[in-house]
Amino acid sequence: MNIYAAGLLISMIVYLAVGNYAGRKVRKLDDYFVAGRQAPTLLIVGTLVASLMSTNAFMGETGMAYSGNPSLIVLLTAVNCIGYTAG
């Protein structure tokens, strides 16, 4: 087993352990979808940033910025942030 397979195996075990531990706290549908309305601000901000980065990667904005149009990534990031604050 090489280092990559070992790293993958260890990370899968950690994911399963954390999911099993956290899953015990879920009692209702509200707990699952909105964390029982008890999610800390840092968790919500992290989720929004991850969603933003995923959208940027999916739409190819990083490649467009690399090819010589960095203003596009700033514009689309601003649009996403406005959407988060307005919505």
N, C-alpha and C. Protein backbone atom coordinates (compact mmCIF):
# COMPACT_ATOMS: atom_id res chain seq x y z
N MET A 1 0.85 -1.18 0.00
CA MET A 1 0.00 0.00 0.00
C MET A 1 0.90 1.24 0.00
N ASN A 2 0.66 2.11 -0.98
CA ASN A 2 1.47 3.32 -1.04
C ASN A 2 0.87 4.42 -0.16
N ILE A 3 1.55 5.55 -0.12
CA ILE A 3 1.16 6.63 0.79
C ILE A 3 -0.20 7.23 0.41
N TYR A 4 -0.52 7.25 -0.88
CA TYR A 4 -1.80 7.82 -1.32
C TYR A 4 -2.97 6.95 -0.91
N ALA A 5 -2.82 5.66 -1.07
CA ALA A 5 -3.88 4.74 -0.65
C ALA A 5 -4.07 4.78 0.86
N ALA A 6 -2.96 4.87 1.60
CA ALA A 6 -3.06 4.95 3.06
C ALA A 6 -3.75 6.25 3.48
N GLY A 7 -3.40 7.35 2.83
CA GLY A 7 -4.05 8.63 3.14
C GLY A 7 -5.53 8.61 2.83
N LEU A 8 -5.89 7.99 1.72
CA LEU A 8 -7.31 7.86 1.36
C LEU A 8 -8.05 7.00 2.38
N LEU A 9 -7.45 5.91 2.78
CA LEU A 9 -8.08 5.02 3.75
C LEU A 9 -8.25 5.71 5.10
N ILE A 10 -7.23 6.41 5.55
CA ILE A 10 -7.31 7.12 6.83
C ILE A 10 -8.37 8.21 6.79
N SER A 11 -8.42 8.96 5.68
CA SER A 11 -9.42 10.03 5.60
C SER A 11 -10.83 9.46 5.55
N MET A 12 -11.04 8.34 4.88
CA MET A 12 -12.37 7.72 4.85
C MET A 12 -12.78 7.25 6.24
N ILE A 13 -11.85 6.70 6.99
CA ILE A 13 -12.15 6.27 8.36
C ILE A 13 -12.52 7.47 9.23
N VAL A 14 -11.78 8.57 9.08
CA VAL A 14 -12.08 9.78 9.85
C VAL A 14 -13.45 10.33 9.47
N TYR A 15 -13.77 10.37 8.17
CA TYR A 15 -15.08 10.86 7.73
C TYR A 15 -16.20 10.01 8.30
N LEU A 16 -16.04 8.71 8.27
CA LEU A 16 -17.07 7.82 8.81
C LEU A 16 -17.23 8.00 10.32
N ALA A 17 -16.12 8.16 11.02
CA ALA A 17 -16.18 8.33 12.47
C ALA A 17 -16.87 9.65 12.84
N VAL A 18 -16.50 10.73 12.16
CA VAL A 18 -17.12 12.03 12.43
C VAL A 18 -18.61 12.00 12.07
N GLY A 19 -18.94 11.40 10.93
CA GLY A 19 -20.34 11.29 10.53
C GLY A 19 -21.16 10.47 11.51
N ASN A 20 -20.58 9.39 12.00
CA ASN A 20 -21.27 8.55 12.98
C ASN A 20 -21.49 9.32 14.28
N TYR A 21 -20.48 10.04 14.73
CA TYR A 21 -20.59 10.81 15.97
C TYR A 21 -21.61 11.94 15.82
N ALA A 22 -21.51 12.70 14.73
CA ALA A 22 -22.41 13.84 14.53
C ALA A 22 -23.83 13.38 14.23
N GLY A 23 -23.97 12.24 13.59
CA GLY A 23 -25.29 11.74 13.24
C GLY A 23 -26.12 11.34 14.44
N ARG A 24 -25.48 11.08 15.54
CA ARG A 24 -26.22 10.71 16.75
C ARG A 24 -26.99 11.89 17.34
N LYS A 25 -26.58 13.10 16.99
CA LYS A 25 -27.24 14.30 17.53
C LYS A 25 -28.46 14.71 16.71
N VAL A 26 -28.63 14.13 15.53
CA VAL A 26 -29.74 14.50 14.66
C VAL A 26 -30.98 13.73 15.08
N ARG A 27 -31.99 14.48 15.50
CA ARG A 27 -33.25 13.86 15.95
C ARG A 27 -34.40 14.18 15.01
N LYS A 28 -34.43 15.41 14.50
CA LYS A 28 -35.52 15.85 13.64
C LYS A 28 -34.96 16.34 12.31
N LEU A 29 -35.83 16.56 11.36
CA LEU A 29 -35.43 17.07 10.05
C LEU A 29 -34.83 18.46 10.18
N ASP A 30 -35.32 19.24 11.12
CA ASP A 30 -34.78 20.57 11.37
C ASP A 30 -33.32 20.51 11.81
N ASP A 31 -32.98 19.51 12.60
CA ASP A 31 -31.59 19.34 13.03
C ASP A 31 -30.68 19.06 11.84
N TYR A 32 -31.18 18.32 10.88
CA TYR A 32 -30.36 17.94 9.73
C TYR A 32 -30.14 19.11 8.78
N PHE A 33 -31.22 19.81 8.42
CA PHE A 33 -31.11 20.84 7.40
C PHE A 33 -30.56 22.16 7.90
N VAL A 34 -30.89 22.58 9.10
CA VAL A 34 -30.43 23.88 9.60
C VAL A 34 -29.70 23.76 10.93
N ALA A 35 -29.18 22.60 11.22
CA ALA A 35 -28.38 22.35 12.43
C ALA A 35 -29.11 22.75 13.69
N GLY A 36 -30.42 22.52 13.71
CA GLY A 36 -31.21 22.85 14.89
C GLY A 36 -31.22 24.32 15.21
N ARG A 37 -30.90 25.14 14.20
CA ARG A 37 -30.82 26.60 14.35
C ARG A 37 -29.80 27.02 15.41
N GLN A 38 -28.78 26.21 15.60
CA GLN A 38 -27.75 26.49 16.60
C GLN A 38 -26.36 26.58 15.98
N ALA A 39 -26.25 26.71 14.65
CA ALA A 39 -24.95 26.73 13.99
C ALA A 39 -24.21 28.03 14.31
N PRO A 40 -22.92 27.94 14.65
CA PRO A 40 -22.15 29.16 14.92
C PRO A 40 -21.88 29.94 13.63
N THR A 41 -21.61 31.20 13.78
CA THR A 41 -21.39 32.08 12.64
C THR A 41 -20.22 31.61 11.78
N LEU A 42 -19.15 31.15 12.41
CA LEU A 42 -17.99 30.70 11.65
C LEU A 42 -18.32 29.51 10.75
N LEU A 43 -19.16 28.62 11.21
CA LEU A 43 -19.57 27.48 10.39
C LEU A 43 -20.38 27.94 9.19
N ILE A 44 -21.27 28.88 9.38
CA ILE A 44 -22.09 29.39 8.28
C ILE A 44 -21.22 30.13 7.27
N VAL A 45 -20.30 30.95 7.75
CA VAL A 45 -19.40 31.68 6.85
C VAL A 45 -18.53 30.70 6.07
N GLY A 46 -18.03 29.67 6.73
CA GLY A 46 -17.22 28.67 6.04
C GLY A 46 -18.00 27.95 4.96
N THR A 47 -19.26 27.65 5.23
CA THR A 47 -20.11 27.00 4.24
C THR A 47 -20.35 27.91 3.04
N LEU A 48 -20.59 29.18 3.30
CA LEU A 48 -20.81 30.12 2.20
C LEU A 48 -19.55 30.31 1.36
N VAL A 49 -18.40 30.39 1.99
CA VAL A 49 -17.14 30.54 1.25
C VAL A 49 -16.86 29.29 0.42
N ALA A 50 -17.12 28.11 0.98
CA ALA A 50 -16.92 26.88 0.22
C ALA A 50 -17.85 26.81 -0.98
N SER A 51 -19.08 27.26 -0.80
CA SER A 51 -20.03 27.30 -1.93
C SER A 51 -19.55 28.27 -3.00
N LEU A 52 -19.04 29.41 -2.58
CA LEU A 52 -18.53 30.40 -3.52
C LEU A 52 -17.34 29.84 -4.30
N MET A 53 -16.41 29.20 -3.60
CA MET A 53 -15.23 28.64 -4.27
C MET A 53 -15.62 27.52 -5.23
N SER A 54 -16.60 26.72 -4.85
CA SER A 54 -17.06 25.65 -5.71
C SER A 54 -17.69 26.23 -6.98
N THR A 55 -18.46 27.28 -6.82
CA THR A 55 -19.07 27.92 -7.98
C THR A 55 -18.01 28.51 -8.89
N ASN A 56 -17.01 29.15 -8.31
CA ASN A 56 -15.93 29.73 -9.11
C ASN A 56 -15.20 28.65 -9.90
N ALA A 57 -14.91 27.54 -9.28
CA ALA A 57 -14.20 26.46 -9.96
C ALA A 57 -15.07 25.83 -11.04
N PHE A 58 -16.35 25.65 -10.74
CA PHE A 58 -17.26 25.01 -11.70
C PHE A 58 -17.46 25.87 -12.94
N MET A 59 -17.55 27.16 -12.77
CA MET A 59 -17.79 28.06 -13.89
C MET A 59 -16.50 28.40 -14.64
N GLY A 60 -15.36 27.99 -14.16
CA GLY A 60 -14.11 28.23 -14.86
C GLY A 60 -13.58 29.64 -14.69
N GLU A 61 -14.01 30.31 -13.65
CA GLU A 61 -13.59 31.69 -13.46
C GLU A 61 -12.10 31.80 -13.13
N THR A 62 -11.57 30.80 -12.48
CA THR A 62 -10.15 30.83 -12.15
C THR A 62 -9.31 30.78 -13.42
N GLY A 63 -9.70 29.93 -14.36
CA GLY A 63 -8.99 29.84 -15.64
C GLY A 63 -9.08 31.12 -16.44
N MET A 64 -10.24 31.76 -16.38
CA MET A 64 -10.40 33.03 -17.10
C MET A 64 -9.51 34.10 -16.49
N ALA A 65 -9.39 34.10 -15.18
CA ALA A 65 -8.51 35.07 -14.52
C ALA A 65 -7.06 34.80 -14.88
N TYR A 66 -6.69 33.53 -14.96
CA TYR A 66 -5.32 33.17 -15.30
C TYR A 66 -4.99 33.57 -16.74
N SER A 67 -5.98 33.49 -17.63
CA SER A 67 -5.72 33.81 -19.03
C SER A 67 -5.68 35.31 -19.30
N GLY A 68 -5.85 36.13 -18.30
CA GLY A 68 -5.64 37.56 -18.49
C GLY A 68 -6.84 38.44 -18.19
N ASN A 69 -7.84 37.93 -17.52
CA ASN A 69 -8.99 38.75 -17.19
C ASN A 69 -9.31 38.63 -15.70
N PRO A 70 -8.43 39.16 -14.84
CA PRO A 70 -8.65 39.01 -13.40
C PRO A 70 -9.83 39.82 -12.87
N SER A 71 -10.28 40.81 -13.62
CA SER A 71 -11.41 41.60 -13.13
C SER A 71 -12.69 40.78 -13.10
N LEU A 72 -12.79 39.76 -13.93
CA LEU A 72 -13.99 38.92 -13.96
C LEU A 72 -14.18 38.18 -12.64
N ILE A 73 -13.11 37.65 -12.09
CA ILE A 73 -13.24 36.90 -10.84
C ILE A 73 -13.62 37.84 -9.69
N VAL A 74 -13.14 39.07 -9.71
CA VAL A 74 -13.53 40.04 -8.69
C VAL A 74 -15.00 40.41 -8.85
N LEU A 75 -15.43 40.62 -10.07
CA LEU A 75 -16.83 40.97 -10.33
C LEU A 75 -17.77 39.85 -9.90
N LEU A 76 -17.47 38.62 -10.27
CA LEU A 76 -18.36 37.52 -9.93
C LEU A 76 -18.34 37.21 -8.44
N THR A 77 -17.21 37.42 -7.79
CA THR A 77 -17.16 37.27 -6.33
C THR A 77 -18.04 38.33 -5.66
N ALA A 78 -17.99 39.55 -6.17
CA ALA A 78 -18.83 40.61 -5.62
C ALA A 78 -20.31 40.29 -5.83
N VAL A 79 -20.66 39.76 -6.99
CA VAL A 79 -22.06 39.39 -7.25
C VAL A 79 -22.50 38.30 -6.28
N ASN A 80 -21.65 37.32 -6.04
CA ASN A 80 -21.99 36.26 -5.09
C ASN A 80 -22.17 36.82 -3.68
N CYS A 81 -21.29 37.71 -3.27
CA CYS A 81 -21.39 38.29 -1.92
C CYS A 81 -22.66 39.13 -1.78
N ILE A 82 -23.00 39.87 -2.81
CA ILE A 82 -24.24 40.66 -2.77
C ILE A 82 -25.44 39.73 -2.67
N GLY A 83 -25.40 38.64 -3.40
CA GLY A 83 -26.49 37.67 -3.31
C GLY A 83 -26.63 37.07 -1.93
N TYR A 84 -25.51 36.81 -1.27
CA TYR A 84 -25.56 36.25 0.08
C TYR A 84 -26.13 37.25 1.08
N THR A 85 -25.72 38.51 0.95
CA THR A 85 -26.20 39.50 1.91
C THR A 85 -27.64 39.91 1.64
N ALA A 86 -28.04 39.95 0.39
CA ALA A 86 -29.41 40.36 0.05
C ALA A 86 -30.40 39.21 0.23
N GLY A 87 -29.93 38.00 0.03
CA GLY A 87 -30.86 36.87 0.04
C GLY A 87 -30.94 36.18 1.32
